[in-house]
Amino acid sequence: MGSLGTLELVIILVVVLLVFGVGRIGKLGSELGKGISSFREGVKEGKVGDAVVDETETTEKSEA
């Protein structure tokens, strides 16, 4: 009862196309892709930043 079949997915796709139009869906997809890319870059920078902080803390502790 909870799963969607092929026919239901096609109907949903047609309704979405009618509401938003093909051009707008393309723009939304592009913006979504850019957002995901930015998020991934931020996560990578955060991991690198954490490694730098850990090294700094280790250096400060050993100097004390």
PDB file of N, CA and C in Angstrom:
ATOM      1  N   MET A   1       0.814  -1.187   0.000  1.00  0.00           N
ATOM      2  CA  MET A   1       0.000   0.000   0.000  1.00  0.00           C
ATOM      3  C   MET A   1       0.863   1.259   0.000  1.00  0.00           C
ATOM      4  N   GLY A   2       2.058   1.224   0.555  1.00  0.00           N
ATOM      5  CA  GLY A   2       2.889   2.406   0.685  1.00  0.00           C
ATOM      6  C   GLY A   2       3.825   2.652  -0.479  1.00  0.00           C
ATOM      7  N   SER A   3       3.983   1.701  -1.374  1.00  0.00           N
ATOM      8  CA  SER A   3       4.938   1.889  -2.458  1.00  0.00           C
ATOM      9  C   SER A   3       4.274   2.516  -3.678  1.00  0.00           C
ATOM     10  N   LEU A   4       5.074   3.241  -4.446  1.00  0.00           N
ATOM     11  CA  LEU A   4       4.578   3.864  -5.668  1.00  0.00           C
ATOM     12  C   LEU A   4       4.957   3.004  -6.857  1.00  0.00           C
ATOM     13  N   GLY A   5       4.010   2.789  -7.724  1.00  0.00           N
ATOM     14  CA  GLY A   5       4.269   2.028  -8.934  1.00  0.00           C
ATOM     15  C   GLY A   5       4.708   2.948 -10.060  1.00  0.00           C
ATOM     16  N   THR A   6       4.963   2.348 -11.208  1.00  0.00           N
ATOM     17  CA  THR A   6       5.422   3.100 -12.370  1.00  0.00           C
ATOM     18  C   THR A   6       4.369   4.103 -12.830  1.00  0.00           C
ATOM     19  N   LEU A   7       3.127   3.688 -12.866  1.00  0.00           N
ATOM     20  CA  LEU A   7       2.053   4.577 -13.313  1.00  0.00           C
ATOM     21  C   LEU A   7       1.930   5.802 -12.404  1.00  0.00           C
ATOM     22  N   GLU A   8       2.027   5.599 -11.106  1.00  0.00           N
ATOM     23  CA  GLU A   8       1.932   6.717 -10.177  1.00  0.00           C
ATOM     24  C   GLU A   8       3.091   7.687 -10.368  1.00  0.00           C
ATOM     25  N   LEU A   9       4.293   7.163 -10.563  1.00  0.00           N
ATOM     26  CA  LEU A   9       5.456   8.022 -10.778  1.00  0.00           C
ATOM     27  C   LEU A   9       5.330   8.831 -12.058  1.00  0.00           C
ATOM     28  N   VAL A  10       4.793   8.227 -13.115  1.00  0.00           N
ATOM     29  CA  VAL A  10       4.587   8.935 -14.381  1.00  0.00           C
ATOM     30  C   VAL A  10       3.566  10.054 -14.189  1.00  0.00           C
ATOM     31  N   ILE A  11       2.500   9.790 -13.479  1.00  0.00           N
ATOM     32  CA  ILE A  11       1.481  10.815 -13.220  1.00  0.00           C
ATOM     33  C   ILE A  11       2.073  11.974 -12.423  1.00  0.00           C
ATOM     34  N   ILE A  12       2.872  11.669 -11.415  1.00  0.00           N
ATOM     35  CA  ILE A  12       3.516  12.708 -10.617  1.00  0.00           C
ATOM     36  C   ILE A  12       4.457  13.536 -11.492  1.00  0.00           C
ATOM     37  N   LEU A  13       5.216  12.894 -12.351  1.00  0.00           N
ATOM     38  CA  LEU A  13       6.133  13.600 -13.245  1.00  0.00           C
ATOM     39  C   LEU A  13       5.374  14.537 -14.187  1.00  0.00           C
ATOM     40  N   VAL A  14       4.276  14.075 -14.745  1.00  0.00           N
ATOM     41  CA  VAL A  14       3.466  14.903 -15.644  1.00  0.00           C
ATOM     42  C   VAL A  14       2.907  16.112 -14.897  1.00  0.00           C
ATOM     43  N   VAL A  15       2.420  15.928 -13.688  1.00  0.00           N
ATOM     44  CA  VAL A  15       1.878  17.034 -12.902  1.00  0.00           C
ATOM     45  C   VAL A  15       2.978  18.048 -12.594  1.00  0.00           C
ATOM     46  N   VAL A  16       4.156  17.580 -12.218  1.00  0.00           N
ATOM     47  CA  VAL A  16       5.276  18.482 -11.926  1.00  0.00           C
ATOM     48  C   VAL A  16       5.658  19.269 -13.177  1.00  0.00           C
ATOM     49  N   LEU A  17       5.703  18.610 -14.336  1.00  0.00           N
ATOM     50  CA  LEU A  17       6.005  19.307 -15.582  1.00  0.00           C
ATOM     51  C   LEU A  17       4.963  20.361 -15.903  1.00  0.00           C
ATOM     52  N   LEU A  18       3.710  20.067 -15.667  1.00  0.00           N
ATOM     53  CA  LEU A  18       2.654  21.033 -15.928  1.00  0.00           C
ATOM     54  C   LEU A  18       2.728  22.231 -14.985  1.00  0.00           C
ATOM     55  N   VAL A  19       3.073  21.996 -13.743  1.00  0.00           N
ATOM     56  CA  VAL A  19       3.115  23.068 -12.753  1.00  0.00           C
ATOM     57  C   VAL A  19       4.333  23.967 -12.964  1.00  0.00           C
ATOM     58  N   PHE A  20       5.497  23.375 -13.133  1.00  0.00           N
ATOM     59  CA  PHE A  20       6.730  24.158 -13.196  1.00  0.00           C
ATOM     60  C   PHE A  20       7.192  24.466 -14.620  1.00  0.00           C
ATOM     61  N   GLY A  21       6.918  23.618 -15.558  1.00  0.00           N
ATOM     62  CA  GLY A  21       7.418  23.804 -16.912  1.00  0.00           C
ATOM     63  C   GLY A  21       8.812  23.231 -17.048  1.00  0.00           C
ATOM     64  N   VAL A  22       9.194  22.906 -18.273  1.00  0.00           N
ATOM     65  CA  VAL A  22      10.473  22.246 -18.522  1.00  0.00           C
ATOM     66  C   VAL A  22      11.649  23.163 -18.206  1.00  0.00           C
ATOM     67  N   GLY A  23      11.569  24.428 -18.619  1.00  0.00           N
ATOM     68  CA  GLY A  23      12.671  25.365 -18.399  1.00  0.00           C
ATOM     69  C   GLY A  23      12.971  25.595 -16.939  1.00  0.00           C
ATOM     70  N   ARG A  24      11.928  25.751 -16.156  1.00  0.00           N
ATOM     71  CA  ARG A  24      12.116  26.019 -14.730  1.00  0.00           C
ATOM     72  C   ARG A  24      12.679  24.795 -14.010  1.00  0.00           C
ATOM     73  N   ILE A  25      12.268  23.614 -14.417  1.00  0.00           N
ATOM     74  CA  ILE A  25      12.799  22.394 -13.798  1.00  0.00           C
ATOM     75  C   ILE A  25      14.290  22.267 -14.091  1.00  0.00           C
ATOM     76  N   GLY A  26      14.701  22.633 -15.313  1.00  0.00           N
ATOM     77  CA  GLY A  26      16.125  22.613 -15.650  1.00  0.00           C
ATOM     78  C   GLY A  26      16.928  23.561 -14.784  1.00  0.00           C
ATOM     79  N   LYS A  27      16.393  24.752 -14.544  1.00  0.00           N
ATOM     80  CA  LYS A  27      17.075  25.723 -13.684  1.00  0.00           C
ATOM     81  C   LYS A  27      17.166  25.209 -12.248  1.00  0.00           C
ATOM     82  N   LEU A  28      16.073  24.619 -11.772  1.00  0.00           N
ATOM     83  CA  LEU A  28      16.083  24.077 -10.411  1.00  0.00           C
ATOM     84  C   LEU A  28      17.112  22.964 -10.263  1.00  0.00           C
ATOM     85  N   GLY A  29      17.201  22.108 -11.277  1.00  0.00           N
ATOM     86  CA  GLY A  29      18.188  21.030 -11.245  1.00  0.00           C
ATOM     87  C   GLY A  29      19.605  21.566 -11.237  1.00  0.00           C
ATOM     88  N   SER A  30      19.841  22.591 -12.028  1.00  0.00           N
ATOM     89  CA  SER A  30      21.168  23.204 -12.078  1.00  0.00           C
ATOM     90  C   SER A  30      21.532  23.824 -10.733  1.00  0.00           C
ATOM     91  N   GLU A  31      20.606  24.546 -10.146  1.00  0.00           N
ATOM     92  CA  GLU A  31      20.854  25.160  -8.845  1.00  0.00           C
ATOM     93  C   GLU A  31      21.065  24.110  -7.758  1.00  0.00           C
ATOM     94  N   LEU A  32      20.323  23.036  -7.841  1.00  0.00           N
ATOM     95  CA  LEU A  32      20.489  21.956  -6.869  1.00  0.00           C
ATOM     96  C   LEU A  32      21.877  21.335  -6.991  1.00  0.00           C
ATOM     97  N   GLY A  33      22.330  21.125  -8.217  1.00  0.00           N
ATOM     98  CA  GLY A  33      23.672  20.575  -8.441  1.00  0.00           C
ATOM     99  C   GLY A  33      24.758  21.491  -7.901  1.00  0.00           C
ATOM    100  N   LYS A  34      24.609  22.797  -8.121  1.00  0.00           N
ATOM    101  CA  LYS A  34      25.586  23.756  -7.596  1.00  0.00           C
ATOM    102  C   LYS A  34      25.588  23.745  -6.069  1.00  0.00           C
ATOM    103  N   GLY A  35      24.410  23.636  -5.488  1.00  0.00           N
ATOM    104  CA  GLY A  35      24.309  23.601  -4.031  1.00  0.00           C
ATOM    105  C   GLY A  35      24.978  22.372  -3.438  1.00  0.00           C
ATOM    106  N   ILE A  36      24.792  21.242  -4.083  1.00  0.00           N
ATOM    107  CA  ILE A  36      25.414  20.008  -3.607  1.00  0.00           C
ATOM    108  C   ILE A  36      26.928  20.100  -3.725  1.00  0.00           C
ATOM    109  N   SER A  37      27.416  20.665  -4.838  1.00  0.00           N
ATOM    110  CA  SER A  37      28.863  20.831  -5.019  1.00  0.00           C
ATOM    111  C   SER A  37      29.445  21.737  -3.943  1.00  0.00           C
ATOM    112  N   SER A  38      28.768  22.838  -3.658  1.00  0.00           N
ATOM    113  CA  SER A  38      29.232  23.754  -2.615  1.00  0.00           C
ATOM    114  C   SER A  38      29.258  23.071  -1.253  1.00  0.00           C
ATOM    115  N   PHE A  39      28.245  22.274  -0.981  1.00  0.00           N
ATOM    116  CA  PHE A  39      28.183  21.563   0.288  1.00  0.00           C
ATOM    117  C   PHE A  39      29.353  20.591   0.427  1.00  0.00           C
ATOM    118  N   ARG A  40      29.638  19.851  -0.638  1.00  0.00           N
ATOM    119  CA  ARG A  40      30.752  18.898  -0.597  1.00  0.00           C
ATOM    120  C   ARG A  40      32.083  19.609  -0.385  1.00  0.00           C
ATOM    121  N   GLU A  41      32.285  20.752  -1.060  1.00  0.00           N
ATOM    122  CA  GLU A  41      33.515  21.518  -0.875  1.00  0.00           C
ATOM    123  C   GLU A  41      33.624  22.012   0.563  1.00  0.00           C
ATOM    124  N   GLY A  42      32.516  22.456   1.131  1.00  0.00           N
ATOM    125  CA  GLY A  42      32.515  22.913   2.514  1.00  0.00           C
ATOM    126  C   GLY A  42      32.857  21.799   3.489  1.00  0.00           C
ATOM    127  N   VAL A  43      32.351  20.613   3.231  1.00  0.00           N
ATOM    128  CA  VAL A  43      32.654  19.475   4.096  1.00  0.00           C
ATOM    129  C   VAL A  43      34.141  19.132   4.014  1.00  0.00           C
ATOM    130  N   LYS A  44      34.695  19.149   2.795  1.00  0.00           N
ATOM    131  CA  LYS A  44      36.126  18.866   2.635  1.00  0.00           C
ATOM    132  C   LYS A  44      36.968  19.907   3.342  1.00  0.00           C
ATOM    133  N   GLU A  45      36.596  21.194   3.203  1.00  0.00           N
ATOM    134  CA  GLU A  45      37.337  22.257   3.872  1.00  0.00           C
ATOM    135  C   GLU A  45      37.229  22.120   5.383  1.00  0.00           C
ATOM    136  N   GLY A  46      36.076  21.697   5.864  1.00  0.00           N
ATOM    137  CA  GLY A  46      35.894  21.499   7.297  1.00  0.00           C
ATOM    138  C   GLY A  46      36.795  20.402   7.834  1.00  0.00           C
ATOM    139  N   LYS A  47      36.932  19.316   7.069  1.00  0.00           N
ATOM    140  CA  LYS A  47      37.808  18.218   7.493  1.00  0.00           C
ATOM    141  C   LYS A  47      39.252  18.673   7.519  1.00  0.00           C
ATOM    142  N   VAL A  48      39.671  19.441   6.510  1.00  0.00           N
ATOM    143  CA  VAL A  48      41.041  19.952   6.462  1.00  0.00           C
ATOM    144  C   VAL A  48      41.249  20.922   7.610  1.00  0.00           C
ATOM    145  N   GLY A  49      40.269  21.782   7.868  1.00  0.00           N
ATOM    146  CA  GLY A  49      40.355  22.730   8.977  1.00  0.00           C
ATOM    147  C   GLY A  49      40.458  22.030  10.313  1.00  0.00           C
ATOM    148  N   ASP A  50      39.731  20.937  10.515  1.00  0.00           N
ATOM    149  CA  ASP A  50      39.803  20.171  11.750  1.00  0.00           C
ATOM    150  C   ASP A  50      41.183  19.563  11.929  1.00  0.00           C
ATOM    151  N   ALA A  51      41.783  19.077  10.842  1.00  0.00           N
ATOM    152  CA  ALA A  51      43.110  18.481  10.927  1.00  0.00           C
ATOM    153  C   ALA A  51      44.132  19.544  11.326  1.00  0.00           C
ATOM    154  N   VAL A  52      44.016  20.748  10.806  1.00  0.00           N
ATOM    155  CA  VAL A  52      44.932  21.829  11.157  1.00  0.00           C
ATOM    156  C   VAL A  52      44.759  22.200  12.617  1.00  0.00           C
ATOM    157  N   VAL A  53      43.524  22.268  13.097  1.00  0.00           N
ATOM    158  CA  VAL A  53      43.271  22.594  14.498  1.00  0.00           C
ATOM    159  C   VAL A  53      43.855  21.516  15.396  1.00  0.00           C
ATOM    160  N   ASP A  54      43.686  20.251  15.041  1.00  0.00           N
ATOM    161  CA  ASP A  54      44.228  19.157  15.851  1.00  0.00           C
ATOM    162  C   ASP A  54      45.751  19.237  15.923  1.00  0.00           C
ATOM    163  N   GLU A  55      46.403  19.528  14.812  1.00  0.00           N
ATOM    164  CA  GLU A  55      47.859  19.634  14.803  1.00  0.00           C
ATOM    165  C   GLU A  55      48.316  20.807  15.665  1.00  0.00           C
ATOM    166  N   THR A  56      47.607  21.919  15.615  1.00  0.00           N
ATOM    167  CA  THR A  56      47.948  23.100  16.403  1.00  0.00           C
ATOM    168  C   THR A  56      47.793  22.786  17.886  1.00  0.00           C
ATOM    169  N   GLU A  57      46.738  22.113  18.269  1.00  0.00           N
ATOM    170  CA  GLU A  57      46.522  21.760  19.672  1.00  0.00           C
ATOM    171  C   GLU A  57      47.620  20.823  20.166  1.00  0.00           C
ATOM    172  N   THR A  58      48.031  19.872  19.329  1.00  0.00           N
ATOM    173  CA  THR A  58      49.085  18.938  19.691  1.00  0.00           C
ATOM    174  C   THR A  58      50.406  19.669  19.879  1.00  0.00           C
ATOM    175  N   THR A  59      50.696  20.610  18.987  1.00  0.00           N
ATOM    176  CA  THR A  59      51.932  21.383  19.073  1.00  0.00           C
ATOM    177  C   THR A  59      51.937  22.247  20.318  1.00  0.00           C
ATOM    178  N   GLU A  60      50.817  22.883  20.623  1.00  0.00           N
ATOM    179  CA  GLU A  60      50.735  23.737  21.812  1.00  0.00           C
ATOM    180  C   GLU A  60      50.896  22.931  23.087  1.00  0.00           C
ATOM    181  N   LYS A  61      50.331  21.746  23.138  1.00  0.00           N
ATOM    182  CA  LYS A  61      50.431  20.895  24.325  1.00  0.00           C
ATOM    183  C   LYS A  61      51.866  20.421  24.543  1.00  0.00           C
ATOM    184  N   SER A  62      52.571  20.090  23.449  1.00  0.00           N
ATOM    185  CA  SER A  62      53.920  19.575  23.594  1.00  0.00           C
ATOM    186  C   SER A  62      54.897  20.701  23.975  1.00  0.00           C
ATOM    187  N   GLU A  63      54.584  21.952  23.607  1.00  0.00           N
ATOM    188  CA  GLU A  63      55.448  23.061  23.957  1.00  0.00           C
ATOM    189  C   GLU A  63      55.270  23.460  25.417  1.00  0.00           C
ATOM    190  N   ALA A  64      54.152  23.186  26.007  1.00  0.00           N
ATOM    191  CA  ALA A  64      53.865  23.624  27.380  1.00  0.00           C
ATOM    192  C   ALA A  64      54.564  22.783  28.392  1.00  0.00           C
TER     193      ALA A  64
END
